[in-house]
Amino acid sequence: MTTQKAVAHRILELCNQYGLTINGLATISAVPPSTLKNIISGVSKNPGIVTIKKLCDGLDITLIEFFNTDTFKNLEQEIK
């Protein structure tokens, strides 16, 4: 799994966990819905840390909580 796919997967996982739609997450985090949809669909290949921080703030979680999953812990190095 790529880092981009891991981020998209984590966003969807958190939406499910918190009972939110993508638009709901966009509203509480002040991130445009189009930005979230682009991250999830893979159009945005490199979502910025500021965007991820806004999502975390909207969900009232830390960046550590966002990234502290087996998916991120098991990512293979993308530059070899």
C-alpha atoms as a PDB file:
ATOM      1  CA  MET A   1       0.000   0.000   0.000  1.00  0.00           C
ATOM      2  CA  THR A   2       1.267   3.473  -0.827  1.00  0.00           C
ATOM      3  CA  THR A   3       1.303   6.326   1.642  1.00  0.00           C
ATOM      4  CA  GLN A   4      -1.375   8.132  -0.393  1.00  0.00           C
ATOM      5  CA  LYS A   5      -3.659   5.097  -0.240  1.00  0.00           C
ATOM      6  CA  ALA A   6      -2.957   4.699   3.482  1.00  0.00           C
ATOM      7  CA  VAL A   7      -4.016   8.310   4.127  1.00  0.00           C
ATOM      8  CA  ALA A   8      -7.198   7.850   2.074  1.00  0.00           C
ATOM      9  CA  HIS A   9      -7.954   4.601   3.893  1.00  0.00           C
ATOM     10  CA  ARG A  10      -7.422   6.248   7.294  1.00  0.00           C
ATOM     11  CA  ILE A  11      -9.748   9.141   6.426  1.00  0.00           C
ATOM     12  CA  LEU A  12     -12.485   6.704   5.410  1.00  0.00           C
ATOM     13  CA  GLU A  13     -11.837   4.617   8.517  1.00  0.00           C
ATOM     14  CA  LEU A  14     -12.202   7.680  10.752  1.00  0.00           C
ATOM     15  CA  CYS A  15     -15.390   8.779   8.970  1.00  0.00           C
ATOM     16  CA  ASN A  16     -16.840   5.345   9.637  1.00  0.00           C
ATOM     17  CA  GLN A  17     -15.643   5.367  13.249  1.00  0.00           C
ATOM     18  CA  TYR A  18     -17.167   8.798  13.941  1.00  0.00           C
ATOM     19  CA  GLY A  19     -20.304   8.230  11.850  1.00  0.00           C
ATOM     20  CA  LEU A  20     -19.436  10.993   9.410  1.00  0.00           C
ATOM     21  CA  THR A  21     -19.791  11.429   5.691  1.00  0.00           C
ATOM     22  CA  ILE A  22     -16.991  13.025   3.713  1.00  0.00           C
ATOM     23  CA  ASN A  23     -19.041  16.225   3.611  1.00  0.00           C
ATOM     24  CA  GLY A  24     -19.580  16.029   7.372  1.00  0.00           C
ATOM     25  CA  LEU A  25     -15.866  15.666   7.974  1.00  0.00           C
ATOM     26  CA  ALA A  26     -15.224  18.560   5.600  1.00  0.00           C
ATOM     27  CA  THR A  27     -17.634  20.751   7.547  1.00  0.00           C
ATOM     28  CA  ILE A  28     -16.179  20.077  11.006  1.00  0.00           C
ATOM     29  CA  SER A  29     -12.592  20.396   9.808  1.00  0.00           C
ATOM     30  CA  ALA A  30     -12.938  23.399   7.464  1.00  0.00           C
ATOM     31  CA  VAL A  31     -11.432  21.403   4.602  1.00  0.00           C
ATOM     32  CA  PRO A  32     -13.252  21.727   1.267  1.00  0.00           C
ATOM     33  CA  PRO A  33     -15.197  18.574   0.360  1.00  0.00           C
ATOM     34  CA  SER A  34     -13.482  18.592  -3.029  1.00  0.00           C
ATOM     35  CA  THR A  35     -10.092  18.376  -1.309  1.00  0.00           C
ATOM     36  CA  LEU A  36     -11.183  15.337   0.703  1.00  0.00           C
ATOM     37  CA  LYS A  37     -12.712  13.681  -2.347  1.00  0.00           C
ATOM     38  CA  ASN A  38      -9.492  14.290  -4.297  1.00  0.00           C
ATOM     39  CA  ILE A  39      -7.429  12.699  -1.518  1.00  0.00           C
ATOM     40  CA  ILE A  40      -9.709   9.667  -1.299  1.00  0.00           C
ATOM     41  CA  SER A  41      -9.974   9.165  -5.056  1.00  0.00           C
ATOM     42  CA  GLY A  42      -6.214   9.479  -5.559  1.00  0.00           C
ATOM     43  CA  VAL A  43      -6.346  12.689  -7.599  1.00  0.00           C
ATOM     44  CA  SER A  44      -4.353  14.391  -4.859  1.00  0.00           C
ATOM     45  CA  LYS A  45      -1.143  12.370  -4.634  1.00  0.00           C
ATOM     46  CA  ASN A  46       0.394  14.343  -1.777  1.00  0.00           C
ATOM     47  CA  PRO A  47      -2.084  15.628   0.808  1.00  0.00           C
ATOM     48  CA  GLY A  48      -0.384  18.249   2.925  1.00  0.00           C
ATOM     49  CA  ILE A  49       0.251  17.900   6.620  1.00  0.00           C
ATOM     50  CA  VAL A  50      -1.722  21.112   7.245  1.00  0.00           C
ATOM     51  CA  THR A  51      -4.779  19.486   5.664  1.00  0.00           C
ATOM     52  CA  ILE A  52      -4.324  16.345   7.738  1.00  0.00           C
ATOM     53  CA  LYS A  53      -3.906  18.504  10.869  1.00  0.00           C
ATOM     54  CA  LYS A  54      -7.192  20.272  10.104  1.00  0.00           C
ATOM     55  CA  LEU A  55      -8.906  16.892   9.795  1.00  0.00           C
ATOM     56  CA  CYS A  56      -7.434  15.867  13.134  1.00  0.00           C
ATOM     57  CA  ASP A  57      -8.584  19.117  14.740  1.00  0.00           C
ATOM     58  CA  GLY A  58     -12.102  18.580  13.424  1.00  0.00           C
ATOM     59  CA  LEU A  59     -12.126  15.054  14.847  1.00  0.00           C
ATOM     60  CA  ASP A  60     -10.453  16.203  18.079  1.00  0.00           C
ATOM     61  CA  ILE A  61      -7.584  13.754  17.639  1.00  0.00           C
ATOM     62  CA  THR A  62      -3.836  14.285  17.444  1.00  0.00           C
ATOM     63  CA  LEU A  63      -1.611  13.732  14.449  1.00  0.00           C
ATOM     64  CA  ILE A  64      -0.096  10.846  16.397  1.00  0.00           C
ATOM     65  CA  GLU A  65      -3.539   9.262  16.703  1.00  0.00           C
ATOM     66  CA  PHE A  66      -4.098   9.718  12.971  1.00  0.00           C
ATOM     67  CA  PHE A  67      -0.865   7.969  12.032  1.00  0.00           C
ATOM     68  CA  ASN A  68      -0.619   5.461  14.894  1.00  0.00           C
ATOM     69  CA  THR A  69      -2.146   2.526  13.035  1.00  0.00           C
ATOM     70  CA  ASP A  70      -0.836  -0.784  11.742  1.00  0.00           C
ATOM     71  CA  THR A  71      -1.371   0.470   8.198  1.00  0.00           C
ATOM     72  CA  PHE A  72       1.160   3.269   8.670  1.00  0.00           C
ATOM     73  CA  LYS A  73       3.495   1.194  10.810  1.00  0.00           C
ATOM     74  CA  ASN A  74       3.742  -1.433   8.075  1.00  0.00           C
ATOM     75  CA  LEU A  75       4.228   0.843   5.067  1.00  0.00           C
ATOM     76  CA  GLU A  76       7.152  -0.109   2.926  1.00  0.00           C
ATOM     77  CA  GLN A  77       9.740   2.481   2.033  1.00  0.00           C
ATOM     78  CA  GLU A  78       8.676   4.165  -1.195  1.00  0.00           C
ATOM     79  CA  ILE A  79      12.140   5.441  -2.149  1.00  0.00           C
ATOM     80  CA  LYS A  80      14.631   2.655  -2.681  1.00  0.00           C
END
